[in-house]
Protein backbone atom coordinates (compact mmCIF):
# COMPACT_ATOMS: atom_id res chain seq x y z
CA MET A 1 76.94 87.92 59.60
CA LYS A 2 80.51 87.25 60.70
CA LYS A 3 81.54 83.75 61.71
CA ILE A 4 83.28 84.77 64.96
CA SER A 5 82.52 87.48 67.50
CA ILE A 6 85.53 88.33 69.67
CA ILE A 7 84.22 89.92 72.87
CA ILE A 8 86.68 92.28 74.55
CA PRO A 9 85.64 93.88 77.87
CA VAL A 10 87.74 96.95 78.66
CA TYR A 11 88.32 98.51 82.05
CA ASN A 12 91.27 100.87 82.60
CA THR A 13 93.66 98.92 80.38
CA ALA A 14 94.67 101.72 78.00
CA LYS A 15 98.36 100.78 78.08
CA TYR A 16 97.57 97.29 76.73
CA LEU A 17 94.85 98.03 74.18
CA LYS A 18 96.99 98.54 71.10
CA ARG A 19 98.71 95.18 71.51
CA CYS A 20 95.40 93.46 72.26
CA PHE A 21 93.50 94.96 69.31
CA ASP A 22 96.38 94.60 66.86
CA SER A 23 96.73 90.91 67.71
CA VAL A 24 93.17 90.43 66.43
CA LEU A 25 93.43 92.70 63.41
CA VAL A 26 96.51 90.89 62.03
CA GLN A 27 94.70 87.54 61.86
CA SER A 28 94.87 86.03 58.37
CA TYR A 29 91.40 84.54 58.95
CA LYS A 30 89.16 87.57 58.48
CA ASP A 31 85.62 86.32 59.09
CA PHE A 32 85.26 87.97 62.50
CA GLU A 33 83.95 91.01 64.31
CA MET A 34 85.35 92.66 67.43
CA VAL A 35 82.75 93.47 70.08
CA ILE A 36 84.46 95.98 72.37
CA ILE A 37 82.69 97.04 75.57
CA ASN A 38 84.11 99.87 77.66
CA ASP A 39 83.02 99.01 81.20
CA GLY A 40 83.22 102.52 82.65
CA SER A 41 86.97 103.08 82.25
CA THR A 42 88.40 106.23 83.83
CA ASP A 43 91.69 106.27 81.91
CA ASN A 44 92.04 107.07 78.20
CA SER A 45 90.74 103.69 77.02
CA GLU A 46 87.73 105.31 75.34
CA GLN A 47 89.93 107.55 73.22
CA ILE A 48 92.00 104.59 72.00
CA ILE A 49 88.91 102.49 71.28
CA ASN A 50 87.36 105.32 69.25
CA GLU A 51 90.53 105.63 67.18
CA TYR A 52 90.31 101.94 66.27
CA LYS A 53 86.56 102.12 65.72
CA ASP A 54 87.02 105.01 63.27
CA LYS A 55 89.78 103.16 61.44
CA TYR A 56 87.98 99.77 61.27
CA PRO A 57 84.24 100.57 61.29
CA ASP A 58 83.29 97.34 59.51
CA LEU A 59 85.15 95.14 61.99
CA ILE A 60 84.50 96.82 65.32
CA SER A 61 81.27 97.23 67.25
CA TYR A 62 81.80 99.52 70.23
CA TYR A 63 79.65 99.95 73.33
CA ASN A 64 80.25 102.30 76.24
CA LYS A 65 78.45 101.59 79.52
CA PRO A 66 78.72 102.24 83.26
CA ASN A 67 80.98 99.94 85.23
CA THR A 68 79.21 96.70 86.17
CA GLY A 69 82.06 94.18 86.24
CA VAL A 70 83.42 91.56 83.86
CA ALA A 71 80.58 89.03 84.21
CA SER A 72 77.89 91.54 83.32
CA THR A 73 80.05 92.93 80.52
CA ARG A 74 80.61 89.50 78.99
CA ASN A 75 76.86 88.82 79.14
CA PHE A 76 76.27 92.15 77.40
CA GLY A 77 78.79 91.18 74.74
CA ILE A 78 77.06 87.86 74.11
CA GLU A 79 73.77 89.70 73.56
CA LYS A 80 75.37 92.08 71.06
CA ALA A 81 77.45 89.47 69.23
CA ASN A 82 76.35 88.60 65.70
CA GLY A 83 78.78 85.75 65.10
CA GLU A 84 78.04 82.05 65.05
CA TYR A 85 80.98 81.55 67.43
CA ILE A 86 82.09 83.56 70.45
CA MET A 87 85.60 84.11 71.76
CA PHE A 88 86.49 86.05 74.91
CA LEU A 89 89.66 88.14 75.00
CA ASP A 90 90.70 90.13 78.06
CA SER A 91 91.85 93.59 77.05
CA ASP A 92 95.23 93.29 78.79
CA ASP A 93 96.02 90.03 76.97
CA TYR A 94 96.52 89.17 73.30
CA ILE A 95 96.30 86.26 70.86
CA ASP A 96 98.70 84.60 68.43
CA LYS A 97 98.47 85.92 64.89
CA ALA A 98 97.70 82.41 63.59
CA LEU A 99 95.04 81.47 66.15
CA LEU A 100 91.90 81.88 64.06
CA LYS A 101 93.53 80.31 61.00
CA THR A 102 94.51 77.32 63.13
CA LEU A 103 90.94 76.93 64.33
CA GLU A 104 89.42 77.36 60.87
CA GLN A 105 89.45 73.65 60.01
CA TYR A 106 87.33 72.91 63.08
CA ILE A 107 85.00 75.81 62.35
CA ASN A 108 84.49 74.35 58.88
CA LYS A 109 83.56 71.03 60.51
CA ASP A 110 80.92 72.87 62.56
CA ILE A 111 82.42 71.78 65.90
CA ASP A 112 80.47 73.29 68.81
CA LEU A 113 83.40 73.92 71.16
CA ILE A 114 87.07 74.33 70.27
CA LYS A 115 89.63 74.51 73.06
CA PHE A 116 93.17 75.81 72.59
CA LYS A 117 96.07 76.49 74.94
CA LEU A 118 97.53 79.40 76.87
CA GLN A 119 100.90 80.64 77.96
CA ARG A 120 101.67 83.19 80.63
CA VAL A 121 103.97 86.00 79.58
CA ASP A 122 105.41 89.13 81.14
CA GLU A 123 104.65 92.61 79.83
CA GLU A 124 107.47 92.34 77.30
CA GLY A 125 106.07 89.10 75.92
CA LYS A 126 108.66 86.80 77.51
CA THR A 127 107.22 83.39 78.28
CA LEU A 128 106.83 82.69 81.99
CA GLU A 129 104.89 79.45 81.80
CA ILE A 130 103.61 77.10 79.13
CA VAL A 131 100.38 75.90 80.71
CA PRO A 132 99.85 72.20 79.93
CA GLY A 133 96.52 70.68 78.98
CA ALA A 134 94.94 67.67 77.34
CA THR A 135 94.69 67.47 73.55
CA PHE A 136 92.10 65.33 71.79
CA GLU A 137 90.25 64.95 68.52
CA GLU A 138 86.53 65.39 67.96
CA THR A 139 84.36 63.96 70.70
CA THR A 140 81.25 64.90 72.67
CA GLY A 141 81.27 67.71 75.20
CA GLU A 142 80.62 65.25 78.01
CA ASP A 143 83.56 63.09 77.00
CA GLY A 144 85.69 66.21 76.63
CA PHE A 145 84.85 67.31 80.16
CA ASN A 146 85.66 63.85 81.48
CA LYS A 147 89.08 64.09 79.82
CA LEU A 148 89.77 67.57 81.20
CA TYR A 149 88.20 67.85 84.64
CA SER A 150 91.01 66.35 86.73
CA THR A 151 94.05 67.52 84.79
CA ASP A 152 93.45 70.83 83.02
CA VAL A 153 94.02 73.85 85.26
CA LEU A 154 92.45 76.14 82.65
CA LEU A 155 89.24 74.16 82.22
CA ASP A 156 87.11 77.02 83.58
CA SER A 157 88.87 79.85 81.73
CA PRO A 158 86.52 81.23 79.03
CA CYS A 159 89.46 82.72 77.14
CA VAL A 160 90.75 79.38 75.83
CA TYR A 161 87.59 78.38 73.97
CA LEU A 162 85.83 79.17 70.73
CA ILE A 163 82.17 78.59 71.63
CA LYS A 164 79.05 78.25 69.51
CA LYS A 165 76.80 81.12 70.57
CA GLU A 166 73.78 78.83 70.54
CA ILE A 167 75.17 76.98 73.57
CA PHE A 168 74.56 80.17 75.55
CA THR A 169 71.26 81.14 73.97
CA GLN A 170 69.56 77.74 73.76
CA ASN A 171 70.42 76.88 77.36
CA ASN A 172 69.99 80.37 78.84
CA LEU A 173 73.53 80.30 80.20
CA LYS A 174 75.10 83.48 81.57
CA PHE A 175 78.04 84.49 83.69
CA ALA A 176 76.94 84.97 87.30
CA VAL A 177 76.84 88.69 88.10
CA GLY A 178 78.01 89.90 91.51
CA THR A 179 80.11 86.84 92.32
CA GLU A 180 83.75 85.90 92.09
CA HIS A 181 84.73 82.87 90.01
CA GLU A 182 81.94 83.51 87.52
CA ASP A 183 83.89 81.33 85.06
CA PHE A 184 84.04 78.44 87.53
CA GLY A 185 80.26 78.40 87.77
CA LEU A 186 79.62 78.41 84.02
CA ILE A 187 82.32 76.93 81.80
CA PRO A 188 81.96 73.28 82.91
CA PHE A 189 78.35 73.41 81.71
CA ILE A 190 79.32 75.09 78.45
CA ILE A 191 81.55 72.06 77.90
CA VAL A 192 79.10 69.28 78.76
CA LEU A 193 76.31 70.89 76.72
CA ALA A 194 78.43 71.00 73.57
CA LYS A 195 77.41 68.29 71.13
CA THR A 196 80.92 68.18 69.67
CA MET A 197 84.29 69.34 71.00
CA VAL A 198 88.00 69.26 70.20
CA SER A 199 91.06 70.34 72.18
CA VAL A 200 93.83 71.69 69.96
CA ASN A 201 97.55 71.62 70.74
CA PHE A 202 98.10 75.27 69.84
CA TYR A 203 99.23 77.96 72.28
CA GLY A 204 97.13 80.76 70.92
CA TYR A 205 96.37 82.90 73.97
CA PHE A 206 98.90 85.06 75.80
CA TYR A 207 98.01 85.93 79.38
CA ILE A 208 100.02 88.88 80.66
CA GLN A 209 101.21 88.25 84.21
CA SER A 210 101.64 91.71 85.72
CA ASP A 211 102.46 92.25 89.39
CA ASN A 212 101.22 95.81 89.12
CA SER A 213 97.84 94.99 87.60
CA ILE A 214 95.12 96.18 89.96
CA THR A 215 92.60 93.79 88.50
CA ARG A 216 94.82 90.80 89.24
CA ASN A 217 95.79 91.54 92.82
CA GLU A 218 93.45 90.88 95.69
CA ASP A 219 93.13 91.47 99.41
CA TYR A 220 92.07 88.92 101.99
CA LYS A 221 88.45 90.08 102.00
CA ARG A 222 88.25 89.22 98.34
CA THR A 223 89.86 85.84 99.04
CA ILE A 224 87.09 85.12 101.55
CA LYS A 225 84.43 86.22 99.09
CA LYS A 226 85.92 83.99 96.42
CA ALA A 227 85.76 81.01 98.74
CA TYR A 228 82.11 81.54 99.67
CA ASP A 229 81.08 82.40 96.12
CA ALA A 230 82.66 79.11 95.08
CA LEU A 231 80.26 77.40 97.49
CA LYS A 232 77.35 79.16 95.78
CA HIS A 233 78.58 77.95 92.42
CA TYR A 234 78.84 74.43 93.84
CA ASP A 235 75.24 74.56 95.06
CA ASN A 236 74.03 75.86 91.70
CA ALA A 237 76.08 73.26 89.84
CA ILE A 238 74.59 70.40 91.82
CA GLU A 239 71.06 71.62 91.10
CA LEU A 240 71.76 72.17 87.41
CA THR A 241 73.37 68.74 87.11
CA LYS A 242 70.16 67.16 88.40
CA LYS A 243 68.16 68.86 85.65
CA LEU A 244 70.42 68.01 82.73
CA ASN A 245 70.32 64.78 80.79
CA LEU A 246 73.92 63.78 81.46
CA ASN A 247 75.38 60.33 81.86
CA LYS A 248 76.30 59.07 85.33
CA LEU A 249 80.04 59.40 84.82
CA THR A 250 79.74 63.05 83.79
CA LYS A 251 77.53 63.86 86.78
CA GLN A 252 80.02 62.20 89.12
CA ASN A 253 82.95 64.04 87.58
CA ILE A 254 81.19 67.41 87.77
CA ARG A 255 80.67 66.82 91.48
CA ILE A 256 84.27 65.74 91.94
CA TYR A 257 85.50 68.78 90.01
CA TYR A 258 83.54 71.25 92.13
CA THR A 259 84.27 69.41 95.38
CA ASN A 260 88.02 69.44 94.76
CA ALA A 261 87.93 73.16 93.97
CA ILE A 262 85.94 73.93 97.12
CA ILE A 263 88.32 71.96 99.32
CA LEU A 264 91.34 73.70 97.83
CA LYS A 265 89.75 77.07 98.58
CA ALA A 266 90.05 76.23 102.27
CA LYS A 267 93.83 76.37 101.96
CA GLU A 268 93.66 80.10 101.25
CA LEU A 269 91.75 80.93 104.43
CA HIS A 270 93.16 81.75 107.86
CA ASP A 271 92.34 79.71 110.95
CA GLU A 272 89.08 81.28 112.16
CA GLU A 273 87.64 81.72 108.71
CA GLN A 274 88.87 78.28 107.74
CA GLU A 275 86.92 76.77 110.65
CA LYS A 276 83.70 78.37 109.39
CA TYR A 277 84.41 77.22 105.88
CA ILE A 278 85.01 73.64 107.03
CA LYS A 279 81.54 73.64 108.57
CA GLU A 280 80.05 74.74 105.27
CA ILE A 281 81.86 71.91 103.52
CA LYS A 282 80.65 69.38 106.07
CA ASN A 283 77.07 70.69 105.92
CA ARG A 284 76.98 69.96 102.22
CA LYS A 285 78.17 66.38 102.77
CA MET A 286 80.21 66.66 99.63
CA ALA A 287 81.87 63.27 99.94
CA LYS A 288 78.47 61.56 100.09
CA ASN A 289 77.38 63.30 96.90
CA ILE A 290 80.03 61.49 94.91
CA LYS A 291 79.44 57.76 94.70
CA VAL A 292 82.71 56.46 93.39
CA ARG A 293 85.06 53.86 94.80
CA ASN A 294 87.52 55.06 97.47
CA LEU A 295 86.37 58.70 97.12
CA LYS A 296 86.39 59.31 100.87
CA GLN A 297 89.98 58.16 101.14
CA PHE A 298 90.87 60.31 98.13
CA ILE A 299 89.38 63.42 99.74
CA LYS A 300 91.14 62.67 103.03
CA ARG A 301 94.47 62.49 101.23
CA LEU A 302 93.70 65.75 99.46
CA LEU A 303 92.79 67.44 102.73
CA LEU A 304 95.88 66.09 104.43
CA SER A 305 97.99 67.74 101.76
CA ILE A 306 96.29 71.04 102.57
CA ASN A 307 95.83 71.08 106.32
CA ILE A 308 95.89 68.38 108.99
CA LYS A 309 93.00 70.11 110.77
CA LEU A 310 90.76 69.61 107.77
CA TYR A 311 91.77 65.98 107.56
CA LEU A 312 90.90 65.30 111.18
CA GLN A 313 87.53 67.02 110.95
CA MET A 314 86.51 64.89 107.97
CA LYS A 315 87.34 61.59 109.70
């Protein structure tokens, strides 16, 4: 059994596959498998994958299935993965050649969850943004979440973590199929359920920012769906938080994290849709769910920075 399973969902990203796959194959740390899932691509992705599969049969497990979306495909990959750890790599991105070697010391310590950092690059590999994030030594998952929740913009990105597979299997955790922001609904709970966690100051993941990428552009209908799916994730998160044996601070911070994200979603909506969304926020009485000092004033200031209308309706 390999130590790490790198799950790579593929959908119409043929032009990026060589760079993606090669970035894994050049790793000096070799105790890994690549779990590649073709999610119904209509370009020549399958041909490229087969070429790599034929060349590296001991390293690559390949699955071809009808298109069901990234959440379902990641869940499929988790089921097929044989490694002790799981890493997610989008097929139009790539990783640093030293990433796995850098993480090896923490793997050897049997850390449950290892976070690293990301930079955004253009298609030529030129750095567009070094995305900041907290760095800390070994701690609990709960403490790690409490360090990250208010400052790390990539907290809910699955691609910046090396995750013990047992966190998924023992807690029956899956990406939500059929919704937007499937990461937002899951990753915070991956973190708090980890017994041990570190956050490493190593920029090991390269996210390709492409204006022409179909998968990364969206119309307004999708923006609306994202906003309302975020509400569903909030509802599910509140219920799950009640069931888990978490300390009070962690429960409060989970609620704050989801509440802040929901409120910020309102900024992306136009007037009429924003009015409806405000009602959904008010119906959930989000401010009352979070019993911390001066929270109401904090939320009012946050809303004021977004839209005066929201601020007035929360008074």
